[in-house]
Amino acid sequence: QVQLVESGGGLVQAGGSLRLSCAASGTIFSINTMGWYRQAPGKQRELVATITSGGSTNYADSAKGRFTISRDNAKKTVYLQMNSLKPEDTAVYYCLHWAPRYWGQGTQVTVSS
């Protein structure tokens, strides 16, 4: 069974940075697409970014130019570097293992104005 453990969330002021990590186990990580999603209070879960096994990336418009998704296959870990954070980035951020589909438990990111 795939397990995903996220870390790195927290409270940061607007304009600051955070780096989220998601460590995977129970999977052939290197061949899997991984992603980050987020869910703000009262809103649906939405895509932030994905990265394929070959390193191709895809970003939501809200993340382009500020966030960077990356992966370390040796460590079975995917990262989300978030810069120039805004209050509207406040949400629970979830790691996604694409196939089979598994979600992490989520990590809270709060950006104060």
N, C-alpha and C. Protein backbone atom coordinates (compact mmCIF):
# COMPACT_ATOMS: atom_id res chain seq x y z
N GLN A 1 0.84 -1.19 0.00
CA GLN A 1 0.00 0.00 0.00
C GLN A 1 0.88 1.24 0.00
N VAL A 2 0.47 2.21 -0.81
CA VAL A 2 1.22 3.44 -0.90
C VAL A 2 0.94 4.31 0.32
N GLN A 3 1.98 4.86 0.87
CA GLN A 3 1.85 5.83 1.95
C GLN A 3 2.58 7.10 1.57
N LEU A 4 1.95 8.23 1.85
CA LEU A 4 2.51 9.54 1.54
C LEU A 4 2.52 10.37 2.81
N VAL A 5 3.65 10.92 3.14
CA VAL A 5 3.78 11.73 4.35
C VAL A 5 4.28 13.11 3.96
N GLU A 6 3.43 14.10 4.17
CA GLU A 6 3.78 15.48 3.83
C GLU A 6 4.37 16.18 5.05
N SER A 7 5.19 17.16 4.77
CA SER A 7 5.76 18.00 5.82
C SER A 7 6.13 19.35 5.22
N GLY A 8 6.40 20.31 6.09
CA GLY A 8 6.89 21.59 5.64
C GLY A 8 5.89 22.73 5.69
N GLY A 9 4.65 22.43 6.02
CA GLY A 9 3.67 23.50 6.12
C GLY A 9 3.92 24.36 7.34
N GLY A 10 3.16 25.44 7.43
CA GLY A 10 3.30 26.32 8.58
C GLY A 10 2.70 27.68 8.32
N LEU A 11 3.03 28.61 9.20
CA LEU A 11 2.55 29.98 9.12
C LEU A 11 3.68 30.86 8.59
N VAL A 12 3.36 31.66 7.59
CA VAL A 12 4.37 32.54 6.98
C VAL A 12 3.70 33.85 6.61
N GLN A 13 4.46 34.91 6.61
CA GLN A 13 3.94 36.21 6.20
C GLN A 13 3.87 36.29 4.68
N ALA A 14 2.99 37.12 4.20
CA ALA A 14 2.89 37.36 2.76
C ALA A 14 4.25 37.77 2.21
N GLY A 15 4.59 37.20 1.05
CA GLY A 15 5.89 37.45 0.45
C GLY A 15 6.95 36.44 0.84
N GLY A 16 6.64 35.62 1.83
CA GLY A 16 7.60 34.63 2.30
C GLY A 16 7.58 33.37 1.47
N SER A 17 8.35 32.38 1.93
CA SER A 17 8.51 31.13 1.21
C SER A 17 8.35 29.93 2.14
N LEU A 18 7.91 28.84 1.56
CA LEU A 18 7.85 27.55 2.25
C LEU A 18 8.22 26.47 1.26
N ARG A 19 8.76 25.39 1.78
CA ARG A 19 9.06 24.22 0.95
C ARG A 19 8.33 23.02 1.54
N LEU A 20 7.42 22.47 0.76
CA LEU A 20 6.70 21.28 1.18
C LEU A 20 7.42 20.03 0.66
N SER A 21 7.36 18.98 1.45
CA SER A 21 7.94 17.70 1.05
C SER A 21 6.88 16.62 1.18
N CYS A 22 6.98 15.63 0.33
CA CYS A 22 6.08 14.47 0.40
C CYS A 22 6.93 13.22 0.17
N ALA A 23 7.08 12.44 1.22
CA ALA A 23 7.86 11.21 1.15
C ALA A 23 6.93 10.03 0.91
N ALA A 24 7.25 9.24 -0.11
CA ALA A 24 6.41 8.11 -0.49
C ALA A 24 7.06 6.80 -0.11
N SER A 25 6.21 5.83 0.17
CA SER A 25 6.68 4.46 0.40
C SER A 25 5.64 3.50 -0.18
N GLY A 26 6.08 2.28 -0.42
CA GLY A 26 5.15 1.28 -0.96
C GLY A 26 4.81 1.47 -2.42
N THR A 27 5.69 2.15 -3.15
CA THR A 27 5.42 2.41 -4.56
C THR A 27 6.71 2.40 -5.35
N ILE A 28 6.56 2.11 -6.65
CA ILE A 28 7.70 2.30 -7.55
C ILE A 28 7.67 3.77 -7.94
N PHE A 29 8.22 4.57 -7.07
CA PHE A 29 8.06 6.02 -7.13
C PHE A 29 8.53 6.59 -8.47
N SER A 30 9.64 6.07 -8.97
CA SER A 30 10.28 6.69 -10.13
C SER A 30 9.42 6.67 -11.38
N ILE A 31 8.45 5.77 -11.47
CA ILE A 31 7.65 5.68 -12.68
C ILE A 31 6.31 6.37 -12.53
N ASN A 32 6.11 7.00 -11.40
CA ASN A 32 4.78 7.56 -11.13
C ASN A 32 4.75 9.07 -11.25
N THR A 33 3.67 9.56 -11.83
CA THR A 33 3.40 10.99 -11.77
C THR A 33 2.97 11.34 -10.35
N MET A 34 3.47 12.46 -9.88
CA MET A 34 3.13 12.95 -8.54
C MET A 34 2.56 14.37 -8.67
N GLY A 35 1.79 14.75 -7.67
CA GLY A 35 1.21 16.08 -7.74
C GLY A 35 0.96 16.70 -6.39
N TRP A 36 0.73 17.98 -6.42
CA TRP A 36 0.29 18.74 -5.24
C TRP A 36 -1.05 19.39 -5.56
N TYR A 37 -1.97 19.24 -4.64
CA TYR A 37 -3.27 19.89 -4.71
C TYR A 37 -3.46 20.68 -3.42
N ARG A 38 -4.45 21.55 -3.41
CA ARG A 38 -4.75 22.29 -2.19
C ARG A 38 -6.25 22.49 -2.06
N GLN A 39 -6.67 22.68 -0.81
CA GLN A 39 -8.08 22.92 -0.54
C GLN A 39 -8.20 23.98 0.53
N ALA A 40 -8.79 25.09 0.14
CA ALA A 40 -9.04 26.18 1.08
C ALA A 40 -10.41 25.97 1.73
N PRO A 41 -10.64 26.56 2.89
CA PRO A 41 -11.93 26.40 3.57
C PRO A 41 -13.09 26.80 2.66
N GLY A 42 -14.09 25.92 2.55
CA GLY A 42 -15.28 26.21 1.76
C GLY A 42 -15.10 26.09 0.26
N LYS A 43 -13.91 25.62 -0.15
CA LYS A 43 -13.65 25.51 -1.59
C LYS A 43 -13.31 24.07 -1.96
N GLN A 44 -13.40 23.78 -3.25
CA GLN A 44 -13.05 22.45 -3.73
C GLN A 44 -11.53 22.31 -3.80
N ARG A 45 -11.10 21.06 -3.72
CA ARG A 45 -9.68 20.77 -3.88
C ARG A 45 -9.28 21.11 -5.32
N GLU A 46 -8.13 21.76 -5.45
CA GLU A 46 -7.70 22.19 -6.78
C GLU A 46 -6.24 21.83 -7.03
N LEU A 47 -5.94 21.66 -8.30
CA LEU A 47 -4.58 21.34 -8.72
C LEU A 47 -3.65 22.51 -8.44
N VAL A 48 -2.45 22.18 -7.95
CA VAL A 48 -1.39 23.18 -7.84
C VAL A 48 -0.32 22.89 -8.89
N ALA A 49 0.19 21.66 -8.89
CA ALA A 49 1.24 21.30 -9.84
C ALA A 49 1.38 19.79 -9.91
N THR A 50 1.85 19.30 -11.05
CA THR A 50 2.17 17.89 -11.20
C THR A 50 3.54 17.74 -11.85
N ILE A 51 4.13 16.57 -11.65
CA ILE A 51 5.41 16.26 -12.26
C ILE A 51 5.40 14.80 -12.68
N THR A 52 5.77 14.54 -13.94
CA THR A 52 5.76 13.17 -14.44
C THR A 52 7.06 12.46 -14.06
N SER A 53 7.10 11.17 -14.38
CA SER A 53 8.31 10.40 -14.10
C SER A 53 9.50 10.95 -14.87
N GLY A 54 9.25 11.56 -16.01
CA GLY A 54 10.32 12.12 -16.81
C GLY A 54 10.68 13.54 -16.44
N GLY A 55 9.96 14.10 -15.47
CA GLY A 55 10.29 15.44 -15.00
C GLY A 55 9.49 16.56 -15.65
N SER A 56 8.55 16.22 -16.52
CA SER A 56 7.71 17.26 -17.11
C SER A 56 6.75 17.79 -16.05
N THR A 57 6.58 19.09 -16.04
CA THR A 57 5.78 19.73 -15.01
C THR A 57 4.57 20.45 -15.60
N ASN A 58 3.58 20.62 -14.75
CA ASN A 58 2.37 21.34 -15.12
C ASN A 58 1.92 22.12 -13.90
N TYR A 59 1.54 23.38 -14.11
CA TYR A 59 1.18 24.25 -12.99
C TYR A 59 -0.19 24.89 -13.22
N ALA A 60 -0.89 25.08 -12.14
CA ALA A 60 -2.07 25.93 -12.19
C ALA A 60 -1.63 27.36 -12.46
N ASP A 61 -2.50 28.14 -13.07
CA ASP A 61 -2.15 29.52 -13.37
C ASP A 61 -1.74 30.27 -12.11
N SER A 62 -2.39 29.97 -11.00
CA SER A 62 -2.11 30.67 -9.74
C SER A 62 -0.72 30.35 -9.21
N ALA A 63 -0.13 29.25 -9.68
CA ALA A 63 1.18 28.83 -9.18
C ALA A 63 2.33 29.19 -10.11
N LYS A 64 2.02 29.46 -11.34
CA LYS A 64 3.07 29.72 -12.33
C LYS A 64 3.92 30.93 -11.93
N GLY A 65 5.22 30.74 -12.01
CA GLY A 65 6.15 31.82 -11.70
C GLY A 65 6.48 31.98 -10.23
N ARG A 66 5.71 31.31 -9.37
CA ARG A 66 5.96 31.42 -7.92
C ARG A 66 6.30 30.08 -7.28
N PHE A 67 5.71 29.02 -7.78
CA PHE A 67 5.90 27.69 -7.19
C PHE A 67 6.72 26.82 -8.14
N THR A 68 7.49 25.91 -7.57
CA THR A 68 8.26 24.96 -8.35
C THR A 68 8.11 23.57 -7.76
N ILE A 69 7.67 22.63 -8.59
CA ILE A 69 7.57 21.24 -8.17
C ILE A 69 8.81 20.50 -8.66
N SER A 70 9.33 19.61 -7.81
CA SER A 70 10.50 18.84 -8.18
C SER A 70 10.43 17.48 -7.49
N ARG A 71 11.31 16.59 -7.90
CA ARG A 71 11.29 15.26 -7.30
C ARG A 71 12.70 14.72 -7.16
N ASP A 72 12.87 13.86 -6.17
CA ASP A 72 14.12 13.15 -5.96
C ASP A 72 13.75 11.67 -5.92
N ASN A 73 13.99 10.98 -7.02
CA ASN A 73 13.56 9.58 -7.09
C ASN A 73 14.32 8.69 -6.13
N ALA A 74 15.57 9.02 -5.86
CA ALA A 74 16.36 8.22 -4.92
C ALA A 74 15.77 8.29 -3.51
N LYS A 75 15.22 9.44 -3.17
CA LYS A 75 14.61 9.63 -1.84
C LYS A 75 13.11 9.38 -1.86
N LYS A 76 12.55 9.09 -3.04
CA LYS A 76 11.11 8.88 -3.18
C LYS A 76 10.35 10.06 -2.59
N THR A 77 10.79 11.24 -2.94
CA THR A 77 10.21 12.45 -2.36
C THR A 77 9.91 13.46 -3.47
N VAL A 78 8.76 14.10 -3.34
CA VAL A 78 8.40 15.21 -4.23
C VAL A 78 8.31 16.47 -3.39
N TYR A 79 8.73 17.57 -3.98
CA TYR A 79 8.80 18.85 -3.27
C TYR A 79 7.93 19.90 -3.96
N LEU A 80 7.53 20.88 -3.18
CA LEU A 80 6.87 22.05 -3.73
C LEU A 80 7.49 23.27 -3.07
N GLN A 81 8.32 23.98 -3.83
CA GLN A 81 8.90 25.22 -3.36
C GLN A 81 7.94 26.35 -3.67
N MET A 82 7.51 27.06 -2.65
CA MET A 82 6.53 28.12 -2.81
C MET A 82 7.16 29.44 -2.39
N ASN A 83 7.25 30.35 -3.34
CA ASN A 83 7.81 31.68 -3.10
C ASN A 83 6.74 32.74 -3.30
N SER A 84 7.03 33.93 -2.82
CA SER A 84 6.11 35.07 -2.97
C SER A 84 4.69 34.68 -2.56
N LEU A 85 4.58 34.06 -1.41
CA LEU A 85 3.28 33.57 -0.96
C LEU A 85 2.31 34.71 -0.68
N LYS A 86 1.04 34.40 -0.96
CA LYS A 86 -0.04 35.37 -0.80
C LYS A 86 -1.06 34.81 0.19
N PRO A 87 -1.84 35.67 0.83
CA PRO A 87 -2.89 35.16 1.74
C PRO A 87 -3.83 34.17 1.05
N GLU A 88 -4.08 34.36 -0.23
CA GLU A 88 -4.98 33.45 -0.94
C GLU A 88 -4.37 32.07 -1.19
N ASP A 89 -3.11 31.90 -0.87
CA ASP A 89 -2.48 30.57 -0.94
C ASP A 89 -2.78 29.74 0.31
N THR A 90 -3.41 30.35 1.29
CA THR A 90 -3.75 29.63 2.51
C THR A 90 -4.68 28.46 2.20
N ALA A 91 -4.27 27.26 2.62
CA ALA A 91 -5.03 26.05 2.32
C ALA A 91 -4.33 24.86 2.97
N VAL A 92 -5.02 23.73 2.93
CA VAL A 92 -4.36 22.47 3.23
C VAL A 92 -3.82 21.93 1.91
N TYR A 93 -2.54 21.61 1.90
CA TYR A 93 -1.88 21.12 0.70
C TYR A 93 -1.73 19.60 0.79
N TYR A 94 -2.15 18.94 -0.29
CA TYR A 94 -2.15 17.48 -0.33
C TYR A 94 -1.22 16.97 -1.43
N CYS A 95 -0.51 15.93 -1.10
CA CYS A 95 0.32 15.23 -2.07
C CYS A 95 -0.52 14.14 -2.74
N LEU A 96 -0.35 13.97 -4.02
CA LEU A 96 -1.09 12.97 -4.78
C LEU A 96 -0.14 12.01 -5.48
N HIS A 97 -0.40 10.73 -5.30
CA HIS A 97 0.25 9.66 -6.06
C HIS A 97 -0.74 9.27 -7.15
N TRP A 98 -0.30 9.38 -8.41
CA TRP A 98 -1.25 9.34 -9.52
C TRP A 98 -1.88 7.99 -9.75
N ALA A 99 -1.05 6.93 -9.82
CA ALA A 99 -1.62 5.63 -10.19
C ALA A 99 -0.90 4.51 -9.46
N PRO A 100 -1.58 3.76 -8.60
CA PRO A 100 -2.95 4.02 -8.17
C PRO A 100 -3.03 5.32 -7.38
N ARG A 101 -4.26 5.85 -7.33
CA ARG A 101 -4.44 7.16 -6.71
C ARG A 101 -4.47 7.05 -5.19
N TYR A 102 -3.51 7.76 -4.59
CA TYR A 102 -3.45 7.88 -3.14
C TYR A 102 -3.19 9.34 -2.79
N TRP A 103 -3.76 9.74 -1.65
CA TRP A 103 -3.56 11.09 -1.14
C TRP A 103 -2.80 11.04 0.18
N GLY A 104 -1.99 12.05 0.40
CA GLY A 104 -1.39 12.23 1.70
C GLY A 104 -2.41 12.81 2.67
N GLN A 105 -1.97 12.99 3.91
CA GLN A 105 -2.89 13.46 4.95
C GLN A 105 -3.08 14.97 4.92
N GLY A 106 -2.22 15.65 4.20
CA GLY A 106 -2.33 17.10 4.07
C GLY A 106 -1.46 17.84 5.06
N THR A 107 -1.01 19.00 4.66
CA THR A 107 -0.25 19.88 5.54
C THR A 107 -0.78 21.30 5.38
N GLN A 108 -0.99 21.97 6.51
CA GLN A 108 -1.61 23.29 6.50
C GLN A 108 -0.58 24.36 6.16
N VAL A 109 -0.95 25.21 5.23
CA VAL A 109 -0.16 26.40 4.90
C VAL A 109 -1.04 27.61 5.17
N THR A 110 -0.55 28.50 6.01
CA THR A 110 -1.28 29.72 6.34
C THR A 110 -0.39 30.92 6.04
N VAL A 111 -0.90 31.82 5.22
CA VAL A 111 -0.15 33.02 4.84
C VAL A 111 -0.87 34.23 5.41
N SER A 112 -0.17 34.94 6.27
CA SER A 112 -0.77 36.11 6.91
C SER A 112 -0.45 37.37 6.10
N SER A 113 -1.37 38.32 6.15
CA SER A 113 -1.17 39.56 5.39
C SER A 113 -0.47 40.62 6.22
